[in-house]
Amino acid sequence: MNILKSLNLLVAFMLELAMLAAFAYWGFHLDTNLFVKLLAGIGAPALIIVIWAMWAAPNASGRLSVPWLPLLKLALFGLAALSLYAGGKKDLAIEMFAVFVVSEALALAWHQE
């Protein structure tokens, strides 16, 4: 069982990286000028990193607890999935969000929050 719990933590970390990549993809694929693409492609992931570091990171001083932490994660991953969807990666958006839901459900059941 410990192997499964460790694997879930690895999946959760990989999902966090995928979330940042989704926001970057969305920003760099906007139908606008280069300046706005750069601003969104770099700025959106940077904003998510700040939010994550303040309220969701394991060592964050202001780390949220249940039920607020899972709700924040749901909002962030939901927005990441929507950004992929808007960027034309519909299947990837659905798959990423589905993996997040399963991983988060296991994390809650196994008290990994």
C-alpha atoms as a PDB file:
ATOM      1  CA  MET A   1       0.000   0.000   0.000  1.00  0.00           C
ATOM      2  CA  ASN A   2       2.893   2.363   0.696  1.00  0.00           C
ATOM      3  CA  ILE A   3       4.032   1.978  -2.900  1.00  0.00           C
ATOM      4  CA  LEU A   4       0.594   3.052  -4.136  1.00  0.00           C
ATOM      5  CA  LYS A   5       0.602   6.056  -1.809  1.00  0.00           C
ATOM      6  CA  SER A   6       4.053   7.076  -3.002  1.00  0.00           C
ATOM      7  CA  LEU A   7       2.975   6.618  -6.601  1.00  0.00           C
ATOM      8  CA  ASN A   8      -0.026   8.859  -5.980  1.00  0.00           C
ATOM      9  CA  LEU A   9       2.258  11.570  -4.593  1.00  0.00           C
ATOM     10  CA  LEU A  10       4.372  11.297  -7.738  1.00  0.00           C
ATOM     11  CA  VAL A  11       1.266  11.551  -9.929  1.00  0.00           C
ATOM     12  CA  ALA A  12       0.126  14.599  -7.949  1.00  0.00           C
ATOM     13  CA  PHE A  13       3.481  16.297  -8.507  1.00  0.00           C
ATOM     14  CA  MET A  14       3.431  15.491 -12.215  1.00  0.00           C
ATOM     15  CA  LEU A  15      -0.099  16.902 -12.400  1.00  0.00           C
ATOM     16  CA  GLU A  16       1.118  20.135 -10.807  1.00  0.00           C
ATOM     17  CA  LEU A  17       3.750  20.453 -13.530  1.00  0.00           C
ATOM     18  CA  ALA A  18       1.159  19.621 -16.185  1.00  0.00           C
ATOM     19  CA  MET A  19      -1.103  22.336 -14.776  1.00  0.00           C
ATOM     20  CA  LEU A  20       1.642  24.929 -15.213  1.00  0.00           C
ATOM     21  CA  ALA A  21       2.323  23.669 -18.730  1.00  0.00           C
ATOM     22  CA  ALA A  22      -1.394  23.938 -19.552  1.00  0.00           C
ATOM     23  CA  PHE A  23      -1.493  27.589 -18.526  1.00  0.00           C
ATOM     24  CA  ALA A  24       1.686  28.304 -20.486  1.00  0.00           C
ATOM     25  CA  TYR A  25       0.304  26.524 -23.559  1.00  0.00           C
ATOM     26  CA  TRP A  26      -2.880  28.552 -23.365  1.00  0.00           C
ATOM     27  CA  GLY A  27      -1.004  31.833 -23.048  1.00  0.00           C
ATOM     28  CA  PHE A  28       1.423  31.169 -25.889  1.00  0.00           C
ATOM     29  CA  HIS A  29      -1.381  30.048 -28.217  1.00  0.00           C
ATOM     30  CA  LEU A  30      -3.654  33.053 -27.818  1.00  0.00           C
ATOM     31  CA  ASP A  31      -4.747  34.668 -31.058  1.00  0.00           C
ATOM     32  CA  THR A  32      -3.117  38.018 -30.343  1.00  0.00           C
ATOM     33  CA  ASN A  33       0.164  39.872 -30.633  1.00  0.00           C
ATOM     34  CA  LEU A  34       3.496  38.567 -29.371  1.00  0.00           C
ATOM     35  CA  PHE A  35       3.610  40.817 -26.300  1.00  0.00           C
ATOM     36  CA  VAL A  36       0.278  39.541 -24.976  1.00  0.00           C
ATOM     37  CA  LYS A  37       1.271  35.949 -25.747  1.00  0.00           C
ATOM     38  CA  LEU A  38       4.483  36.363 -23.765  1.00  0.00           C
ATOM     39  CA  LEU A  39       2.673  38.103 -20.920  1.00  0.00           C
ATOM     40  CA  ALA A  40       0.002  35.385 -20.692  1.00  0.00           C
ATOM     41  CA  GLY A  41       2.322  32.465 -21.403  1.00  0.00           C
ATOM     42  CA  ILE A  42       4.732  33.462 -18.649  1.00  0.00           C
ATOM     43  CA  GLY A  43       2.416  35.439 -16.379  1.00  0.00           C
ATOM     44  CA  ALA A  44      -0.350  32.870 -15.935  1.00  0.00           C
ATOM     45  CA  PRO A  45       1.965  30.071 -14.743  1.00  0.00           C
ATOM     46  CA  ALA A  46       3.849  32.569 -12.560  1.00  0.00           C
ATOM     47  CA  LEU A  47       0.588  33.625 -10.902  1.00  0.00           C
ATOM     48  CA  ILE A  48      -0.351  29.984 -10.309  1.00  0.00           C
ATOM     49  CA  ILE A  49       3.079  29.325  -8.778  1.00  0.00           C
ATOM     50  CA  VAL A  50       2.552  32.211  -6.342  1.00  0.00           C
ATOM     51  CA  ILE A  51      -0.941  31.002  -5.406  1.00  0.00           C
ATOM     52  CA  TRP A  52       0.317  27.443  -4.961  1.00  0.00           C
ATOM     53  CA  ALA A  53       3.310  28.558  -2.875  1.00  0.00           C
ATOM     54  CA  MET A  54       1.130  30.642  -0.563  1.00  0.00           C
ATOM     55  CA  TRP A  55      -1.757  28.261   0.046  1.00  0.00           C
ATOM     56  CA  ALA A  56      -1.196  24.764  -1.358  1.00  0.00           C
ATOM     57  CA  ALA A  57       2.488  23.856  -1.020  1.00  0.00           C
ATOM     58  CA  PRO A  58       3.230  21.337   1.757  1.00  0.00           C
ATOM     59  CA  ASN A  59       5.519  23.770   3.597  1.00  0.00           C
ATOM     60  CA  ALA A  60       3.470  26.921   2.966  1.00  0.00           C
ATOM     61  CA  SER A  61       2.962  29.021   6.084  1.00  0.00           C
ATOM     62  CA  GLY A  62      -0.615  29.772   5.007  1.00  0.00           C
ATOM     63  CA  ARG A  63      -1.408  26.251   3.798  1.00  0.00           C
ATOM     64  CA  LEU A  64      -5.128  25.675   3.600  1.00  0.00           C
ATOM     65  CA  SER A  65      -6.766  22.691   5.267  1.00  0.00           C
ATOM     66  CA  VAL A  66      -9.639  20.447   4.250  1.00  0.00           C
ATOM     67  CA  PRO A  67     -12.081  21.382   2.709  1.00  0.00           C
ATOM     68  CA  TRP A  68     -10.448  24.580   1.385  1.00  0.00           C
ATOM     69  CA  LEU A  69      -7.290  23.000   0.003  1.00  0.00           C
ATOM     70  CA  PRO A  70      -9.104  20.462  -2.197  1.00  0.00           C
ATOM     71  CA  LEU A  71     -11.444  23.226  -3.373  1.00  0.00           C
ATOM     72  CA  LEU A  72      -8.498  25.439  -4.331  1.00  0.00           C
ATOM     73  CA  LYS A  73      -6.896  22.536  -6.187  1.00  0.00           C
ATOM     74  CA  LEU A  74     -10.193  21.793  -7.935  1.00  0.00           C
ATOM     75  CA  ALA A  75     -10.447  25.418  -9.058  1.00  0.00           C
ATOM     76  CA  LEU A  76      -6.846  25.567 -10.304  1.00  0.00           C
ATOM     77  CA  PHE A  77      -6.964  22.250 -12.127  1.00  0.00           C
ATOM     78  CA  GLY A  78     -10.393  23.099 -13.509  1.00  0.00           C
ATOM     79  CA  LEU A  79      -9.006  26.344 -14.926  1.00  0.00           C
ATOM     80  CA  ALA A  80      -6.004  24.473 -16.326  1.00  0.00           C
ATOM     81  CA  ALA A  81      -8.326  21.994 -18.042  1.00  0.00           C
ATOM     82  CA  LEU A  82     -10.402  24.856 -19.416  1.00  0.00           C
ATOM     83  CA  SER A  83      -7.271  26.544 -20.717  1.00  0.00           C
ATOM     84  CA  LEU A  84      -6.252  23.365 -22.542  1.00  0.00           C
ATOM     85  CA  TYR A  85      -9.784  23.023 -23.882  1.00  0.00           C
ATOM     86  CA  ALA A  86      -9.728  26.617 -25.099  1.00  0.00           C
ATOM     87  CA  GLY A  87      -6.362  25.977 -26.716  1.00  0.00           C
ATOM     88  CA  GLY A  88      -7.828  23.170 -28.800  1.00  0.00           C
ATOM     89  CA  LYS A  89      -6.529  20.263 -26.702  1.00  0.00           C
ATOM     90  CA  LYS A  90      -9.948  18.937 -25.704  1.00  0.00           C
ATOM     91  CA  ASP A  91      -8.986  15.291 -25.157  1.00  0.00           C
ATOM     92  CA  LEU A  92      -5.913  16.231 -23.156  1.00  0.00           C
ATOM     93  CA  ALA A  93      -7.973  18.587 -21.005  1.00  0.00           C
ATOM     94  CA  ILE A  94     -10.464  15.859 -20.147  1.00  0.00           C
ATOM     95  CA  GLU A  95      -7.745  13.300 -19.466  1.00  0.00           C
ATOM     96  CA  MET A  96      -5.733  15.630 -17.219  1.00  0.00           C
ATOM     97  CA  PHE A  97      -8.792  16.602 -15.196  1.00  0.00           C
ATOM     98  CA  ALA A  98      -9.886  12.954 -14.841  1.00  0.00           C
ATOM     99  CA  VAL A  99      -6.452  11.923 -13.554  1.00  0.00           C
ATOM    100  CA  PHE A 100      -6.535  14.872 -11.136  1.00  0.00           C
ATOM    101  CA  VAL A 101      -9.944  13.831  -9.760  1.00  0.00           C
ATOM    102  CA  VAL A 102      -8.801  10.252  -9.154  1.00  0.00           C
ATOM    103  CA  SER A 103      -5.491  11.338  -7.614  1.00  0.00           C
ATOM    104  CA  GLU A 104      -7.149  13.903  -5.359  1.00  0.00           C
ATOM    105  CA  ALA A 105      -9.806  11.409  -4.251  1.00  0.00           C
ATOM    106  CA  LEU A 106      -7.086   8.933  -3.309  1.00  0.00           C
ATOM    107  CA  ALA A 107      -5.112  11.660  -1.527  1.00  0.00           C
ATOM    108  CA  LEU A 108      -8.155  12.547   0.551  1.00  0.00           C
ATOM    109  CA  ALA A 109      -8.927   8.904   1.324  1.00  0.00           C
ATOM    110  CA  TRP A 110      -5.314   8.250   2.305  1.00  0.00           C
ATOM    111  CA  HIS A 111      -4.969  11.511   4.276  1.00  0.00           C
ATOM    112  CA  GLN A 112      -2.202  12.789   2.005  1.00  0.00           C
ATOM    113  CA  GLU A 113      -3.434  16.385   2.118  1.00  0.00           C
END
